[in-house]
Amino acid sequence: MERETDNHKKVAFVTGATSGLGLAIVRSLAGAGYLVYGGGRRPAPPEMPADFMYVQTDVTSDESVRKSVDYVLSGAGRVDLLVCAAGSGISGAIEDIPVDEAKSQLDVNFFGVVRVVQALLPAMRRQKGGRIIVIGSIAGKTGMPFQAYYSASKFALEGFVESLRYEVGAFNIEVCIVEPGDFRTGFTGSRKKIVPDSSAYHDKFEKVIAVQEHDETHGADPVVAGRRIVQLAGLRRLPVRITVGPLFERFAVWVRRIIPDSWFEAFYRIYYKL
């Protein structure tokens, strides 16, 4: 608390801070002079920045989120920037994935954001301002084959952010959704695959996931995303959304808006060998 007050550092709270894009964002924010509180379920990795405070946080638990937010506010007194970067992925055919697994995907990626935002909004209103950046995905702009529930969770965030902006703008709270493309992170290895050997979709799934994982492991450096978040946080007004990642993927998202659905679907069928 004294560090933040004495040095007048801005305070950031980042979920999903112990791996992947969340970790890159933490490092970039700390390098830019923020006092960063990072929430995650796994222990913080070694060699974290000096101005980093680890907060064990499970975004699927109301109690865990409440305790984490209380801890941050009691220590720093305020949160200037919230970055919701916690997420997980499952893949498989819609027919093969049990509903409980689908619910779990939404619980982390969508309701995890809802819990943290709801917990912090009262403090941001009291302090008369703040910034909220939600990490979505280009999979929230176009449905991904064999990642239907992941896409659904990210599509839900798009609407959530648009609605939230209308509601909190009068309190000087800015909100933005960042839509990453493929980045080289541990997300690929941690994705849960649900594909029974007897599945009617088994062969198609194997072809598609091979393309998706190749794109991910050859994706952009996570440092790029971290730096972009720092740039965003410094803007006077946040845009509704931005896409970050490889140029080809950002171009595809733009093209998706202007060509007929049937054309884009045909391109995806060819690209994923469907």
C-alpha atoms as a PDB file:
ATOM      1  CA  MET A   1       0.000   0.000   0.000  1.00  0.00           C
ATOM      2  CA  GLU A   2       2.796   2.414   0.820  1.00  0.00           C
ATOM      3  CA  ARG A   3       4.558   1.662  -2.450  1.00  0.00           C
ATOM      4  CA  GLU A   4       1.515   2.608  -4.502  1.00  0.00           C
ATOM      5  CA  THR A   5       0.726   5.724  -2.478  1.00  0.00           C
ATOM      6  CA  ASP A   6       4.282   7.023  -2.291  1.00  0.00           C
ATOM      7  CA  ASN A   7       5.090   6.456  -5.945  1.00  0.00           C
ATOM      8  CA  HIS A   8       1.623   7.326  -7.244  1.00  0.00           C
ATOM      9  CA  LYS A   9       1.591   4.164  -9.280  1.00  0.00           C
ATOM     10  CA  LYS A  10      -1.540   3.138 -11.099  1.00  0.00           C
ATOM     11  CA  VAL A  11      -2.959  -0.162  -9.900  1.00  0.00           C
ATOM     12  CA  ALA A  12      -3.877  -3.030 -12.218  1.00  0.00           C
ATOM     13  CA  PHE A  13      -5.595  -6.304 -11.416  1.00  0.00           C
ATOM     14  CA  VAL A  14      -5.048  -9.028 -14.031  1.00  0.00           C
ATOM     15  CA  THR A  15      -6.783 -12.414 -13.949  1.00  0.00           C
ATOM     16  CA  GLY A  16      -5.146 -15.397 -15.607  1.00  0.00           C
ATOM     17  CA  ALA A  17      -1.872 -13.741 -14.685  1.00  0.00           C
ATOM     18  CA  THR A  18       0.321 -16.807 -14.186  1.00  0.00           C
ATOM     19  CA  SER A  19       0.521 -18.058 -17.773  1.00  0.00           C
ATOM     20  CA  GLY A  20      -0.048 -17.250 -21.422  1.00  0.00           C
ATOM     21  CA  LEU A  21      -1.246 -13.827 -22.485  1.00  0.00           C
ATOM     22  CA  GLY A  22      -2.095 -12.903 -18.896  1.00  0.00           C
ATOM     23  CA  LEU A  23       1.526 -13.351 -17.844  1.00  0.00           C
ATOM     24  CA  ALA A  24       2.759 -11.290 -20.789  1.00  0.00           C
ATOM     25  CA  ILE A  25       0.282  -8.553 -19.885  1.00  0.00           C
ATOM     26  CA  VAL A  26       1.445  -8.555 -16.252  1.00  0.00           C
ATOM     27  CA  ARG A  27       5.066  -8.140 -17.274  1.00  0.00           C
ATOM     28  CA  SER A  28       4.287  -5.339 -19.728  1.00  0.00           C
ATOM     29  CA  LEU A  29       2.154  -3.428 -17.219  1.00  0.00           C
ATOM     30  CA  ALA A  30       4.783  -3.744 -14.497  1.00  0.00           C
ATOM     31  CA  GLY A  31       7.410  -2.560 -16.965  1.00  0.00           C
ATOM     32  CA  ALA A  32       5.218   0.444 -17.737  1.00  0.00           C
ATOM     33  CA  GLY A  33       5.103   1.452 -14.081  1.00  0.00           C
ATOM     34  CA  TYR A  34       1.925  -0.158 -12.802  1.00  0.00           C
ATOM     35  CA  LEU A  35       1.595  -1.871  -9.449  1.00  0.00           C
ATOM     36  CA  VAL A  36       0.162  -5.176 -10.631  1.00  0.00           C
ATOM     37  CA  TYR A  37      -1.951  -7.627  -8.691  1.00  0.00           C
ATOM     38  CA  GLY A  38      -2.168 -10.892 -10.586  1.00  0.00           C
ATOM     39  CA  GLY A  39      -4.822 -13.502  -9.994  1.00  0.00           C
ATOM     40  CA  GLY A  40      -4.448 -17.149 -10.930  1.00  0.00           C
ATOM     41  CA  ARG A  41      -5.166 -20.695  -9.776  1.00  0.00           C
ATOM     42  CA  ARG A  42      -1.625 -21.954 -10.201  1.00  0.00           C
ATOM     43  CA  PRO A  43       1.371 -20.510  -8.282  1.00  0.00           C
ATOM     44  CA  ALA A  44       3.108 -17.503  -9.785  1.00  0.00           C
ATOM     45  CA  PRO A  45       6.131 -18.450 -11.927  1.00  0.00           C
ATOM     46  CA  PRO A  46       9.628 -17.407 -10.804  1.00  0.00           C
ATOM     47  CA  GLU A  47      11.247 -14.150 -11.880  1.00  0.00           C
ATOM     48  CA  MET A  48       8.099 -12.073 -11.679  1.00  0.00           C
ATOM     49  CA  PRO A  49       8.440  -8.251 -11.795  1.00  0.00           C
ATOM     50  CA  ALA A  50       9.224  -6.376  -8.590  1.00  0.00           C
ATOM     51  CA  ASP A  51       5.894  -4.539  -8.566  1.00  0.00           C
ATOM     52  CA  PHE A  52       3.809  -7.711  -8.730  1.00  0.00           C
ATOM     53  CA  MET A  53       1.553  -9.098  -6.036  1.00  0.00           C
ATOM     54  CA  TYR A  54       0.198 -12.621  -6.506  1.00  0.00           C
ATOM     55  CA  VAL A  55      -3.418 -13.256  -5.516  1.00  0.00           C
ATOM     56  CA  GLN A  56      -4.697 -16.821  -5.654  1.00  0.00           C
ATOM     57  CA  THR A  57      -7.934 -16.541  -7.613  1.00  0.00           C
ATOM     58  CA  ASP A  58     -10.407 -19.014  -9.045  1.00  0.00           C
ATOM     59  CA  VAL A  59     -12.743 -17.086 -11.350  1.00  0.00           C
ATOM     60  CA  THR A  60     -15.309 -19.907 -11.196  1.00  0.00           C
ATOM     61  CA  SER A  61     -15.809 -19.278  -7.467  1.00  0.00           C
ATOM     62  CA  ASP A  62     -17.849 -16.332  -6.183  1.00  0.00           C
ATOM     63  CA  GLU A  63     -16.078 -16.500  -2.826  1.00  0.00           C
ATOM     64  CA  SER A  64     -12.591 -16.658  -4.330  1.00  0.00           C
ATOM     65  CA  VAL A  65     -13.263 -13.648  -6.552  1.00  0.00           C
ATOM     66  CA  ARG A  66     -14.730 -11.656  -3.661  1.00  0.00           C
ATOM     67  CA  LYS A  67     -11.740 -12.415  -1.423  1.00  0.00           C
ATOM     68  CA  SER A  68      -9.276 -11.504  -4.172  1.00  0.00           C
ATOM     69  CA  VAL A  69     -10.942  -8.182  -4.907  1.00  0.00           C
ATOM     70  CA  ASP A  70     -11.142  -7.381  -1.186  1.00  0.00           C
ATOM     71  CA  TYR A  71      -7.433  -8.191  -0.844  1.00  0.00           C
ATOM     72  CA  VAL A  72      -6.465  -5.898  -3.713  1.00  0.00           C
ATOM     73  CA  LEU A  73      -8.643  -3.023  -2.534  1.00  0.00           C
ATOM     74  CA  SER A  74      -7.481  -3.325   1.074  1.00  0.00           C
ATOM     75  CA  GLY A  75      -3.850  -3.247  -0.048  1.00  0.00           C
ATOM     76  CA  ALA A  76      -3.922  -0.661  -2.826  1.00  0.00           C
ATOM     77  CA  GLY A  77      -7.091   1.262  -2.097  1.00  0.00           C
ATOM     78  CA  ARG A  78      -8.189   1.327  -5.728  1.00  0.00           C
ATOM     79  CA  VAL A  79      -7.984  -0.452  -9.084  1.00  0.00           C
ATOM     80  CA  ASP A  80      -7.358   1.747 -12.097  1.00  0.00           C
ATOM     81  CA  LEU A  81      -7.202  -1.067 -14.640  1.00  0.00           C
ATOM     82  CA  LEU A  82      -8.854  -4.481 -14.680  1.00  0.00           C
ATOM     83  CA  VAL A  83      -7.701  -6.981 -17.320  1.00  0.00           C
ATOM     84  CA  CYS A  84      -9.767 -10.171 -17.524  1.00  0.00           C
ATOM     85  CA  ALA A  85      -7.406 -12.667 -19.141  1.00  0.00           C
ATOM     86  CA  ALA A  86      -8.329 -15.932 -17.383  1.00  0.00           C
ATOM     87  CA  GLY A  87      -9.519 -18.581 -19.798  1.00  0.00           C
ATOM     88  CA  SER A  88      -9.509 -22.217 -20.786  1.00  0.00           C
ATOM     89  CA  GLY A  89     -10.310 -24.229 -23.884  1.00  0.00           C
ATOM     90  CA  ILE A  90     -12.029 -27.455 -24.813  1.00  0.00           C
ATOM     91  CA  SER A  91     -12.288 -28.933 -28.284  1.00  0.00           C
ATOM     92  CA  GLY A  92     -14.348 -31.674 -29.835  1.00  0.00           C
ATOM     93  CA  ALA A  93     -17.551 -32.182 -31.751  1.00  0.00           C
ATOM     94  CA  ILE A  94     -20.691 -30.566 -30.382  1.00  0.00           C
ATOM     95  CA  GLU A  95     -22.352 -33.982 -30.347  1.00  0.00           C
ATOM     96  CA  ASP A  96     -19.539 -35.560 -28.327  1.00  0.00           C
ATOM     97  CA  ILE A  97     -19.001 -32.950 -25.616  1.00  0.00           C
ATOM     98  CA  PRO A  98     -21.151 -33.495 -22.491  1.00  0.00           C
ATOM     99  CA  VAL A  99     -23.283 -30.551 -21.439  1.00  0.00           C
ATOM    100  CA  ASP A 100     -21.452 -30.359 -18.096  1.00  0.00           C
ATOM    101  CA  GLU A 101     -18.178 -29.808 -19.969  1.00  0.00           C
ATOM    102  CA  ALA A 102     -19.814 -27.103 -22.078  1.00  0.00           C
ATOM    103  CA  LYS A 103     -21.098 -25.402 -18.921  1.00  0.00           C
ATOM    104  CA  SER A 104     -17.605 -25.529 -17.437  1.00  0.00           C
ATOM    105  CA  GLN A 105     -16.208 -23.775 -20.508  1.00  0.00           C
ATOM    106  CA  LEU A 106     -18.732 -20.964 -20.185  1.00  0.00           C
ATOM    107  CA  ASP A 107     -18.173 -20.786 -16.424  1.00  0.00           C
ATOM    108  CA  VAL A 108     -14.497 -19.947 -16.868  1.00  0.00           C
ATOM    109  CA  ASN A 109     -14.471 -17.846 -20.016  1.00  0.00           C
ATOM    110  CA  PHE A 110     -17.728 -15.940 -19.660  1.00  0.00           C
ATOM    111  CA  PHE A 111     -19.049 -16.079 -16.115  1.00  0.00           C
ATOM    112  CA  GLY A 112     -15.493 -15.770 -14.790  1.00  0.00           C
ATOM    113  CA  VAL A 113     -15.380 -12.326 -16.384  1.00  0.00           C
ATOM    114  CA  VAL A 114     -18.853 -11.515 -15.088  1.00  0.00           C
ATOM    115  CA  ARG A 115     -17.864 -12.353 -11.500  1.00  0.00           C
ATOM    116  CA  VAL A 116     -14.740 -10.207 -11.498  1.00  0.00           C
ATOM    117  CA  VAL A 117     -16.398  -7.247 -13.226  1.00  0.00           C
ATOM    118  CA  GLN A 118     -19.368  -7.314 -10.850  1.00  0.00           C
ATOM    119  CA  ALA A 119     -17.024  -7.468  -7.853  1.00  0.00           C
ATOM    120  CA  LEU A 120     -14.939  -4.466  -8.944  1.00  0.00           C
ATOM    121  CA  LEU A 121     -17.569  -2.141 -10.396  1.00  0.00           C
ATOM    122  CA  PRO A 122     -18.713  -0.697  -7.029  1.00  0.00           C
ATOM    123  CA  ALA A 123     -15.133   0.374  -6.245  1.00  0.00           C
ATOM    124  CA  MET A 124     -14.650   1.860  -9.712  1.00  0.00           C
ATOM    125  CA  ARG A 125     -17.879   3.831  -9.355  1.00  0.00           C
ATOM    126  CA  ARG A 126     -16.782   5.151  -5.966  1.00  0.00           C
ATOM    127  CA  GLN A 127     -13.426   6.253  -7.298  1.00  0.00           C
ATOM    128  CA  LYS A 128     -15.225   7.851 -10.266  1.00  0.00           C
ATOM    129  CA  GLY A 129     -13.403   6.008 -13.006  1.00  0.00           C
ATOM    130  CA  GLY A 130     -11.460   3.015 -14.206  1.00  0.00           C
ATOM    131  CA  ARG A 131     -10.653   0.865 -17.199  1.00  0.00           C
ATOM    132  CA  ILE A 132     -11.791  -2.665 -17.961  1.00  0.00           C
ATOM    133  CA  ILE A 133     -10.139  -4.678 -20.722  1.00  0.00           C
ATOM    134  CA  VAL A 134     -11.620  -8.092 -21.487  1.00  0.00           C
ATOM    135  CA  ILE A 135      -9.567 -10.625 -23.426  1.00  0.00           C
ATOM    136  CA  GLY A 136     -11.848 -12.208 -25.997  1.00  0.00           C
ATOM    137  CA  SER A 137     -10.731 -13.987 -29.174  1.00  0.00           C
ATOM    138  CA  ILE A 138     -11.124 -13.907 -32.926  1.00  0.00           C
ATOM    139  CA  ALA A 139     -13.059 -17.102 -32.203  1.00  0.00           C
ATOM    140  CA  GLY A 140     -15.660 -14.720 -30.789  1.00  0.00           C
ATOM    141  CA  LYS A 141     -16.042 -13.165 -34.236  1.00  0.00           C
ATOM    142  CA  THR A 142     -16.382 -16.342 -36.288  1.00  0.00           C
ATOM    143  CA  GLY A 143     -17.278 -19.833 -35.132  1.00  0.00           C
ATOM    144  CA  MET A 144     -14.369 -22.272 -35.031  1.00  0.00           C
ATOM    145  CA  PRO A 145     -14.927 -25.896 -36.111  1.00  0.00           C
ATOM    146  CA  PHE A 146     -14.653 -28.303 -33.201  1.00  0.00           C
ATOM    147  CA  GLN A 147     -14.339 -25.390 -30.768  1.00  0.00           C
ATOM    148  CA  ALA A 148     -18.020 -24.492 -30.614  1.00  0.00           C
ATOM    149  CA  TYR A 149     -18.236 -23.958 -26.864  1.00  0.00           C
ATOM    150  CA  TYR A 150     -15.019 -21.947 -26.765  1.00  0.00           C
ATOM    151  CA  SER A 151     -16.373 -19.769 -29.576  1.00  0.00           C
ATOM    152  CA  ALA A 152     -19.718 -19.470 -27.802  1.00  0.00           C
ATOM    153  CA  SER A 153     -18.013 -18.220 -24.639  1.00  0.00           C
ATOM    154  CA  LYS A 154     -16.089 -15.597 -26.599  1.00  0.00           C
ATOM    155  CA  PHE A 155     -19.132 -14.535 -28.648  1.00  0.00           C
ATOM    156  CA  ALA A 156     -20.926 -13.983 -25.322  1.00  0.00           C
ATOM    157  CA  LEU A 157     -18.158 -11.626 -24.189  1.00  0.00           C
ATOM    158  CA  GLU A 158     -18.660  -9.466 -27.284  1.00  0.00           C
ATOM    159  CA  GLY A 159     -22.255  -8.709 -26.351  1.00  0.00           C
ATOM    160  CA  PHE A 160     -21.391  -8.388 -22.665  1.00  0.00           C
ATOM    161  CA  VAL A 161     -18.788  -5.702 -23.343  1.00  0.00           C
ATOM    162  CA  GLU A 162     -21.069  -3.740 -25.665  1.00  0.00           C
ATOM    163  CA  SER A 163     -23.829  -3.703 -23.039  1.00  0.00           C
ATOM    164  CA  LEU A 164     -21.426  -2.878 -20.217  1.00  0.00           C
ATOM    165  CA  ARG A 165     -20.099   0.180 -22.046  1.00  0.00           C
ATOM    166  CA  TYR A 166     -23.597   1.693 -22.176  1.00  0.00           C
ATOM    167  CA  GLU A 167     -24.173   1.109 -18.481  1.00  0.00           C
ATOM    168  CA  VAL A 168     -20.913   2.377 -16.961  1.00  0.00           C
ATOM    169  CA  GLY A 169     -19.938   5.208 -19.282  1.00  0.00           C
ATOM    170  CA  ALA A 170     -21.643   7.779 -17.049  1.00  0.00           C
ATOM    171  CA  PHE A 171     -19.286   6.758 -14.197  1.00  0.00           C
ATOM    172  CA  ASN A 172     -16.160   7.476 -16.276  1.00  0.00           C
ATOM    173  CA  ILE A 173     -15.472   3.742 -16.657  1.00  0.00           C
ATOM    174  CA  GLU A 174     -14.039   2.723 -20.025  1.00  0.00           C
ATOM    175  CA  VAL A 175     -14.473  -0.818 -21.387  1.00  0.00           C
ATOM    176  CA  CYS A 176     -12.880  -2.621 -24.328  1.00  0.00           C
ATOM    177  CA  ILE A 177     -12.669  -6.182 -25.648  1.00  0.00           C
ATOM    178  CA  VAL A 178      -9.385  -7.340 -27.159  1.00  0.00           C
ATOM    179  CA  GLU A 179      -9.661 -10.134 -29.727  1.00  0.00           C
ATOM    180  CA  PRO A 180      -6.360 -12.037 -29.954  1.00  0.00           C
ATOM    181  CA  GLY A 181      -5.523 -14.283 -32.853  1.00  0.00           C
ATOM    182  CA  ASP A 182      -2.965 -17.056 -32.475  1.00  0.00           C
ATOM    183  CA  PHE A 183      -0.129 -16.531 -29.991  1.00  0.00           C
ATOM    184  CA  ARG A 184       2.614 -18.902 -28.918  1.00  0.00           C
ATOM    185  CA  THR A 185       1.520 -19.783 -25.386  1.00  0.00           C
ATOM    186  CA  GLY A 186       0.867 -22.850 -23.277  1.00  0.00           C
ATOM    187  CA  PHE A 187      -2.832 -22.616 -24.171  1.00  0.00           C
ATOM    188  CA  THR A 188      -2.359 -25.155 -26.977  1.00  0.00           C
ATOM    189  CA  GLY A 189      -0.965 -27.799 -24.657  1.00  0.00           C
ATOM    190  CA  SER A 190      -3.532 -27.191 -21.933  1.00  0.00           C
ATOM    191  CA  ARG A 191      -6.583 -27.418 -24.184  1.00  0.00           C
ATOM    192  CA  LYS A 192      -8.872 -30.303 -23.254  1.00  0.00           C
ATOM    193  CA  LYS A 193      -9.716 -32.572 -26.188  1.00  0.00           C
ATOM    194  CA  ILE A 194     -12.901 -34.608 -26.065  1.00  0.00           C
ATOM    195  CA  VAL A 195     -12.934 -36.993 -29.017  1.00  0.00           C
ATOM    196  CA  PRO A 196     -13.896 -40.623 -28.406  1.00  0.00           C
ATOM    197  CA  ASP A 197     -12.270 -43.184 -30.685  1.00  0.00           C
ATOM    198  CA  SER A 198     -15.766 -44.228 -31.754  1.00  0.00           C
ATOM    199  CA  SER A 199     -16.770 -40.670 -32.678  1.00  0.00           C
ATOM    200  CA  ALA A 200     -18.254 -40.167 -36.119  1.00  0.00           C
ATOM    201  CA  TYR A 201     -16.213 -36.953 -36.253  1.00  0.00           C
ATOM    202  CA  HIS A 202     -12.865 -38.444 -35.222  1.00  0.00           C
ATOM    203  CA  ASP A 203     -11.013 -38.166 -38.536  1.00  0.00           C
ATOM    204  CA  LYS A 204     -12.292 -34.676 -39.323  1.00  0.00           C
ATOM    205  CA  PHE A 205     -11.417 -33.527 -35.830  1.00  0.00           C
ATOM    206  CA  GLU A 206      -7.843 -34.746 -36.179  1.00  0.00           C
ATOM    207  CA  LYS A 207      -7.413 -32.840 -39.450  1.00  0.00           C
ATOM    208  CA  VAL A 208      -8.866 -29.617 -38.081  1.00  0.00           C
ATOM    209  CA  ILE A 209      -7.055 -29.640 -34.738  1.00  0.00           C
ATOM    210  CA  ALA A 210      -3.746 -30.245 -36.534  1.00  0.00           C
ATOM    211  CA  VAL A 211      -4.249 -27.035 -38.535  1.00  0.00           C
ATOM    212  CA  GLN A 212      -5.373 -25.074 -35.472  1.00  0.00           C
ATOM    213  CA  GLU A 213      -2.454 -26.208 -33.328  1.00  0.00           C
ATOM    214  CA  HIS A 214       0.042 -25.493 -36.112  1.00  0.00           C
ATOM    215  CA  ASP A 215      -1.298 -21.930 -36.353  1.00  0.00           C
ATOM    216  CA  GLU A 216      -1.110 -21.498 -32.581  1.00  0.00           C
ATOM    217  CA  THR A 217       2.431 -22.816 -32.165  1.00  0.00           C
ATOM    218  CA  HIS A 218       3.568 -20.595 -35.040  1.00  0.00           C
ATOM    219  CA  GLY A 219       1.608 -17.597 -33.810  1.00  0.00           C
ATOM    220  CA  ALA A 220       2.730 -14.206 -32.581  1.00  0.00           C
ATOM    221  CA  ASP A 221       4.939 -13.528 -29.558  1.00  0.00           C
ATOM    222  CA  PRO A 222       2.777 -12.882 -26.438  1.00  0.00           C
ATOM    223  CA  VAL A 223       4.930  -9.821 -25.745  1.00  0.00           C
ATOM    224  CA  VAL A 224       3.083  -8.136 -28.625  1.00  0.00           C
ATOM    225  CA  ALA A 225      -0.229  -8.532 -26.802  1.00  0.00           C
ATOM    226  CA  GLY A 226       1.247  -7.263 -23.537  1.00  0.00           C
ATOM    227  CA  ARG A 227       2.551  -4.104 -25.168  1.00  0.00           C
ATOM    228  CA  ARG A 228      -0.773  -3.518 -26.933  1.00  0.00           C
ATOM    229  CA  ILE A 229      -2.618  -3.654 -23.624  1.00  0.00           C
ATOM    230  CA  VAL A 230      -0.267  -1.020 -22.188  1.00  0.00           C
ATOM    231  CA  GLN A 231      -0.941   1.199 -25.206  1.00  0.00           C
ATOM    232  CA  LEU A 232      -4.691   0.744 -24.830  1.00  0.00           C
ATOM    233  CA  ALA A 233      -4.620   1.516 -21.130  1.00  0.00           C
ATOM    234  CA  GLY A 234      -3.010   4.860 -21.913  1.00  0.00           C
ATOM    235  CA  LEU A 235      -5.679   6.013 -24.370  1.00  0.00           C
ATOM    236  CA  ARG A 236      -8.083   8.753 -23.359  1.00  0.00           C
ATOM    237  CA  ARG A 237     -11.001   6.728 -24.742  1.00  0.00           C
ATOM    238  CA  LEU A 238     -11.042   2.979 -25.226  1.00  0.00           C
ATOM    239  CA  PRO A 239     -12.407   1.577 -28.498  1.00  0.00           C
ATOM    240  CA  VAL A 240     -15.199  -0.967 -28.328  1.00  0.00           C
ATOM    241  CA  ARG A 241     -12.890  -3.691 -29.667  1.00  0.00           C
ATOM    242  CA  ILE A 242      -9.530  -4.302 -31.274  1.00  0.00           C
ATOM    243  CA  THR A 243      -7.977  -7.381 -32.874  1.00  0.00           C
ATOM    244  CA  VAL A 244      -4.353  -8.297 -32.166  1.00  0.00           C
ATOM    245  CA  GLY A 245      -2.138 -11.014 -33.575  1.00  0.00           C
ATOM    246  CA  PRO A 246      -0.873 -12.172 -36.967  1.00  0.00           C
ATOM    247  CA  LEU A 247      -1.733  -9.848 -39.871  1.00  0.00           C
ATOM    248  CA  PHE A 248      -3.453 -12.599 -41.865  1.00  0.00           C
ATOM    249  CA  GLU A 249      -5.855 -13.338 -39.014  1.00  0.00           C
ATOM    250  CA  ARG A 250      -6.633  -9.683 -38.420  1.00  0.00           C
ATOM    251  CA  PHE A 251      -7.319  -9.320 -42.133  1.00  0.00           C
ATOM    252  CA  ALA A 252      -9.622 -12.359 -42.049  1.00  0.00           C
ATOM    253  CA  VAL A 253     -11.673 -10.786 -39.250  1.00  0.00           C
ATOM    254  CA  TRP A 254     -12.041  -7.624 -41.320  1.00  0.00           C
ATOM    255  CA  VAL A 255     -13.006  -9.572 -44.458  1.00  0.00           C
ATOM    256  CA  ARG A 256     -15.564 -11.538 -42.436  1.00  0.00           C
ATOM    257  CA  ARG A 257     -17.575  -8.333 -42.008  1.00  0.00           C
ATOM    258  CA  ILE A 258     -17.859  -7.489 -45.701  1.00  0.00           C
ATOM    259  CA  ILE A 259     -18.229 -10.735 -47.658  1.00  0.00           C
ATOM    260  CA  PRO A 260     -21.274 -13.041 -47.774  1.00  0.00           C
ATOM    261  CA  ASP A 261     -21.406 -15.712 -45.085  1.00  0.00           C
ATOM    262  CA  SER A 262     -21.407 -18.447 -47.716  1.00  0.00           C
ATOM    263  CA  TRP A 263     -18.084 -17.196 -49.134  1.00  0.00           C
ATOM    264  CA  PHE A 264     -16.405 -17.095 -45.761  1.00  0.00           C
ATOM    265  CA  GLU A 265     -17.758 -20.525 -44.862  1.00  0.00           C
ATOM    266  CA  ALA A 266     -16.388 -21.924 -48.113  1.00  0.00           C
ATOM    267  CA  PHE A 267     -12.970 -20.457 -47.316  1.00  0.00           C
ATOM    268  CA  TYR A 268     -13.015 -22.050 -43.837  1.00  0.00           C
ATOM    269  CA  ARG A 269     -13.992 -25.433 -45.280  1.00  0.00           C
ATOM    270  CA  ILE A 270     -11.009 -25.312 -47.601  1.00  0.00           C
ATOM    271  CA  TYR A 271      -8.615 -23.978 -44.965  1.00  0.00           C
ATOM    272  CA  TYR A 272      -9.541 -26.627 -42.407  1.00  0.00           C
ATOM    273  CA  LYS A 273      -9.825 -29.443 -44.980  1.00  0.00           C
ATOM    274  CA  LEU A 274     -13.472 -30.122 -44.182  1.00  0.00           C
END
